[in-house]
Amino acid sequence: MLSKYVIPGNKVEIQSAGRVKFADEEEQKRVYQTTVYDIVSEEQLELYMPMEKSKLILLPVGAEYDLYFYTPAGLYQCFAKVVDRYKTDNKYILLFELSSNLRKFQRREYYRLSCALEMNARVLEKEEMKALEQKSKYLVPGLPLKRSIIVDISGGGIRFVGDYAYQPESLICCKYRLVIEGKDKEYTLISQIIAVRELEEKPGLFEHRAKYINIDTLDREEIIKFIFEEERKNRKREKGL
């Protein structure tokens, strides 16, 4: 089942399974990002050793972790134990052995892609918010929009920066374009502001985190497809292909 869903290059989150006590209690809460190097068998797989600030993270042999695989078919999870650490072809590898079956995992989180996408947005009008409560997608045409830049995007929402600050909990209409499988498409989505902060290093610029509201399943799937396409392009560029 492992090789049916997980392939080399898939993004992976490594989290402590809580079954091993670490000297540093903070280690229990750490989440590491890495990718699949190779599938050895249906019970074993190789992951690139995670890094933080150019430093390799030497996860202890014998420790058990939660692995979360971001695949085109969705998010999958299993428990696995580190059984070896080694270097091959100048790459530092962790060998994991599965200690549970791979299963589809449902959670309200999505892999976030760092990007720089232009977006135009505005706060919803009262009549638009009333329509939203009735599951309608009515939007007043022709109203002025404010420009901003999306700095990361996921199937669940966006993080963007602008020279203005929306109020937390406010609802906004946002428009941006994505190129998916060579086709350019504009998306008009309703989002709710979750958090706002002024950037310390750039006074006058404000970072917003927002989640989609009542997004169509097709739009969400297309956004996720865009993210995977961009990840594949990034991997090819890293490999010099």
Protein backbone atom coordinates (compact mmCIF):
# COMPACT_ATOMS: atom_id res chain seq x y z
CA MET A 1 0.00 0.00 0.00
CA LEU A 2 2.90 2.35 0.71
CA SER A 3 4.20 2.48 -2.86
CA LYS A 4 0.64 2.88 -4.19
CA TYR A 5 0.29 6.34 -2.66
CA VAL A 6 3.76 7.57 -1.63
CA ILE A 7 6.49 8.29 -4.17
CA PRO A 8 9.97 9.87 -4.05
CA GLY A 9 9.72 13.65 -3.80
CA ASN A 10 6.54 13.73 -1.69
CA LYS A 11 6.65 16.25 1.14
CA VAL A 12 6.66 14.72 4.62
CA GLU A 13 6.04 16.06 8.12
CA ILE A 14 7.80 14.22 10.95
CA GLN A 15 6.27 14.58 14.42
CA SER A 16 7.11 12.86 17.69
CA ALA A 17 4.69 10.00 18.35
CA GLY A 18 4.98 10.70 22.07
CA ARG A 19 6.17 7.18 22.85
CA VAL A 20 9.80 8.15 23.37
CA LYS A 21 10.90 10.52 26.11
CA PHE A 22 13.43 13.14 25.02
CA ALA A 23 15.79 14.98 27.35
CA ASP A 24 14.49 18.23 25.89
CA GLU A 25 10.74 18.45 26.44
CA GLU A 26 10.44 20.86 23.51
CA GLU A 27 11.61 18.04 21.25
CA GLN A 28 8.28 16.33 21.95
CA LYS A 29 6.53 19.18 20.13
CA ARG A 30 8.85 19.61 17.17
CA VAL A 31 7.67 19.15 13.61
CA TYR A 32 10.27 18.55 10.90
CA GLN A 33 9.78 19.02 7.16
CA THR A 34 11.49 16.77 4.66
CA THR A 35 10.86 14.71 1.50
CA VAL A 36 10.79 11.06 0.50
CA TYR A 37 14.08 9.85 -0.97
CA ASP A 38 13.05 6.30 -1.93
CA ILE A 39 10.61 3.48 -1.18
CA VAL A 40 12.66 0.46 -0.10
CA SER A 41 9.73 -1.93 0.40
CA GLU A 42 6.13 -1.86 1.56
CA GLU A 43 7.48 -1.72 5.13
CA GLN A 44 10.48 0.57 4.78
CA LEU A 45 11.22 3.92 3.18
CA GLU A 46 14.08 6.41 3.08
CA LEU A 47 13.63 10.08 3.93
CA TYR A 48 16.08 12.91 3.53
CA MET A 49 17.45 13.86 6.93
CA PRO A 50 15.64 17.08 7.90
CA MET A 51 17.60 20.30 8.26
CA GLU A 52 17.20 23.49 10.25
CA LYS A 53 19.32 26.54 9.45
CA SER A 54 21.64 24.37 7.34
CA LYS A 55 22.13 21.95 10.24
CA LEU A 56 21.22 18.26 9.91
CA ILE A 57 18.73 16.97 12.50
CA LEU A 58 19.96 13.58 13.75
CA LEU A 59 16.74 11.88 14.82
CA PRO A 60 17.59 9.05 17.24
CA VAL A 61 17.61 5.46 16.01
CA GLY A 62 14.81 3.56 17.72
CA ALA A 63 12.55 6.60 18.14
CA GLU A 64 9.04 6.37 16.75
CA TYR A 65 7.40 9.19 14.85
CA ASP A 66 4.18 10.22 13.17
CA LEU A 67 4.74 10.63 9.44
CA TYR A 68 2.37 12.72 7.33
CA PHE A 69 2.73 12.39 3.56
CA TYR A 70 1.43 15.13 1.24
CA THR A 71 0.51 13.34 -1.98
CA PRO A 72 -1.59 14.26 -5.04
CA ALA A 73 -4.16 11.78 -3.68
CA GLY A 74 -4.37 13.59 -0.34
CA LEU A 75 -2.80 13.44 3.08
CA TYR A 76 -1.67 10.04 4.44
CA GLN A 77 -0.37 9.14 7.89
CA CYS A 78 1.42 6.27 9.60
CA PHE A 79 3.65 5.56 12.59
CA ALA A 80 7.24 4.62 11.78
CA LYS A 81 10.48 3.97 13.64
CA VAL A 82 13.96 5.19 12.72
CA VAL A 83 16.01 2.03 12.13
CA ASP A 84 19.14 3.50 10.55
CA ARG A 85 20.96 6.68 9.52
CA TYR A 86 23.52 6.82 6.74
CA LYS A 87 24.97 8.75 3.82
CA THR A 88 24.48 7.67 0.22
CA ASP A 89 25.40 9.57 -2.96
CA ASN A 90 26.36 12.54 -0.76
CA LYS A 91 22.84 12.60 0.68
CA TYR A 92 22.04 12.07 4.36
CA ILE A 93 19.26 9.55 4.78
CA LEU A 94 16.97 8.27 7.53
CA LEU A 95 15.65 4.73 7.12
CA PHE A 96 12.17 4.33 8.60
CA GLU A 97 10.26 1.11 9.21
CA LEU A 98 6.48 1.34 9.37
CA SER A 99 4.92 0.30 12.67
CA SER A 100 1.33 0.89 11.52
CA ASN A 101 -0.64 0.75 8.30
CA LEU A 102 -0.73 3.78 6.03
CA ARG A 103 -4.11 5.50 6.25
CA LYS A 104 -5.87 8.44 4.65
CA PHE A 105 -5.78 11.29 7.10
CA GLN A 106 -8.43 13.98 7.29
CA ARG A 107 -7.51 17.25 8.93
CA ARG A 108 -8.21 20.88 8.29
CA GLU A 109 -4.66 21.68 7.33
CA TYR A 110 -3.01 21.87 3.96
CA TYR A 111 0.54 22.07 2.73
CA ARG A 112 1.52 25.71 2.22
CA LEU A 113 3.50 26.80 -0.83
CA SER A 114 5.73 29.87 -0.56
CA CYS A 115 5.06 32.14 -3.52
CA ALA A 116 4.70 35.73 -4.73
CA LEU A 117 1.29 36.16 -6.39
CA GLU A 118 -0.49 39.43 -7.04
CA MET A 119 -3.92 39.71 -5.44
CA ASN A 120 -6.65 42.33 -5.37
CA ALA A 121 -9.14 42.39 -2.50
CA ARG A 122 -11.76 44.39 -0.60
CA VAL A 123 -14.02 44.03 2.43
CA LEU A 124 -17.44 42.53 1.74
CA GLU A 125 -20.44 44.86 1.62
CA LYS A 126 -23.35 44.27 4.02
CA GLU A 127 -25.61 42.87 1.30
CA GLU A 128 -22.82 40.48 0.24
CA MET A 129 -22.45 39.20 3.81
CA LYS A 130 -26.21 38.65 4.02
CA ALA A 131 -26.08 36.73 0.75
CA LEU A 132 -23.20 34.64 2.10
CA GLU A 133 -25.28 33.66 5.14
CA GLN A 134 -27.85 32.30 2.68
CA LYS A 135 -25.14 30.35 0.82
CA SER A 136 -25.34 32.75 -2.12
CA LYS A 137 -22.25 33.99 -3.96
CA TYR A 138 -23.63 37.40 -4.84
CA LEU A 139 -20.91 40.07 -5.21
CA VAL A 140 -21.38 43.74 -6.07
CA PRO A 141 -19.51 44.36 -9.35
CA GLY A 142 -17.09 47.19 -10.04
CA LEU A 143 -16.06 48.13 -6.49
CA PRO A 144 -12.44 49.32 -5.97
CA LEU A 145 -9.90 46.71 -4.87
CA LYS A 146 -6.68 47.00 -2.91
CA ARG A 147 -3.50 45.40 -4.23
CA SER A 148 -1.47 42.96 -2.13
CA ILE A 149 0.95 40.06 -2.56
CA ILE A 150 0.19 36.46 -1.57
CA VAL A 151 3.33 35.06 0.09
CA ASP A 152 2.03 31.56 0.69
CA ILE A 153 -1.00 29.63 -0.45
CA SER A 154 -2.70 26.36 0.47
CA GLY A 155 -5.95 24.53 -0.15
CA GLY A 156 -7.25 26.07 3.05
CA GLY A 157 -6.26 29.71 2.78
CA ILE A 158 -3.62 32.32 2.06
CA ARG A 159 -1.06 34.55 3.76
CA PHE A 160 -0.65 37.94 2.11
CA VAL A 161 1.06 41.29 2.64
CA GLY A 162 -0.24 44.78 1.91
CA ASP A 163 0.26 48.38 2.94
CA TYR A 164 -3.04 48.36 4.87
CA ALA A 165 -4.56 46.27 7.66
CA TYR A 166 -7.90 44.49 7.63
CA GLN A 167 -9.67 43.83 10.92
CA PRO A 168 -9.44 40.25 12.28
CA GLU A 169 -12.62 38.25 11.58
CA SER A 170 -13.55 40.52 8.66
CA LEU A 171 -14.70 38.92 5.41
CA ILE A 172 -12.98 39.89 2.18
CA CYS A 173 -13.41 39.20 -1.51
CA CYS A 174 -10.04 38.32 -3.03
CA LYS A 175 -9.07 37.86 -6.66
CA TYR A 176 -5.92 36.27 -8.00
CA ARG A 177 -4.78 34.24 -11.01
CA LEU A 178 -3.16 30.81 -11.17
CA VAL A 179 -1.66 28.96 -14.13
CA ILE A 180 -2.60 25.27 -13.93
CA GLU A 181 -1.56 22.80 -16.63
CA GLY A 182 -0.72 25.77 -18.87
CA LYS A 183 -4.13 27.43 -18.45
CA ASP A 184 -4.52 30.83 -16.78
CA LYS A 185 -7.58 31.18 -14.54
CA GLU A 186 -8.83 33.93 -12.24
CA TYR A 187 -10.22 32.94 -8.86
CA THR A 188 -12.69 35.08 -6.94
CA LEU A 189 -12.93 33.73 -3.40
CA ILE A 190 -14.36 34.82 -0.08
CA SER A 191 -11.93 34.64 2.83
CA GLN A 192 -12.01 35.43 6.51
CA ILE A 193 -9.11 37.24 8.17
CA ILE A 194 -7.67 35.12 10.98
CA ALA A 195 -4.74 37.26 12.11
CA VAL A 196 -2.97 40.51 11.22
CA ARG A 197 0.45 41.83 12.22
CA GLU A 198 2.69 44.67 11.15
CA LEU A 199 6.04 43.48 9.83
CA GLU A 200 8.79 44.57 12.24
CA GLU A 201 11.39 44.65 9.49
CA LYS A 202 9.08 46.65 7.15
CA PRO A 203 6.96 49.17 9.09
CA GLY A 204 3.81 50.11 7.22
CA LEU A 205 3.40 46.66 5.70
CA PHE A 206 0.91 44.25 7.22
CA GLU A 207 0.82 40.46 7.01
CA HIS A 208 -2.60 38.80 6.98
CA ARG A 209 -3.57 35.17 7.42
CA ALA A 210 -6.94 34.23 5.94
CA LYS A 211 -9.01 31.10 5.43
CA TYR A 212 -11.41 30.40 2.58
CA ILE A 213 -15.14 30.55 3.30
CA ASN A 214 -17.59 28.35 1.36
CA ILE A 215 -15.01 27.53 -1.31
CA ASP A 216 -16.14 25.18 -4.11
CA THR A 217 -14.57 21.73 -4.00
CA LEU A 218 -13.40 22.17 -7.60
CA ASP A 219 -11.66 25.47 -6.82
CA ARG A 220 -9.91 23.92 -3.81
CA GLU A 221 -8.78 20.91 -5.84
CA GLU A 222 -7.42 23.20 -8.57
CA ILE A 223 -5.49 25.25 -6.01
CA ILE A 224 -3.98 22.07 -4.55
CA LYS A 225 -3.11 20.90 -8.08
CA PHE A 226 -1.36 24.24 -8.72
CA ILE A 227 0.66 23.77 -5.51
CA PHE A 228 1.81 20.28 -6.51
CA GLU A 229 2.71 21.49 -10.01
CA GLU A 230 4.82 24.30 -8.54
CA GLU A 231 6.49 21.88 -6.12
CA ARG A 232 7.44 19.59 -9.01
CA LYS A 233 8.90 22.58 -10.90
CA ASN A 234 10.86 23.61 -7.81
CA ARG A 235 12.30 20.10 -7.40
CA LYS A 236 13.38 20.05 -11.05
CA ARG A 237 15.08 23.43 -10.68
CA GLU A 238 16.88 22.21 -7.53
CA LYS A 239 18.12 19.18 -9.46
CA GLY A 240 19.18 21.36 -12.39
CA LEU A 241 16.86 19.62 -14.84
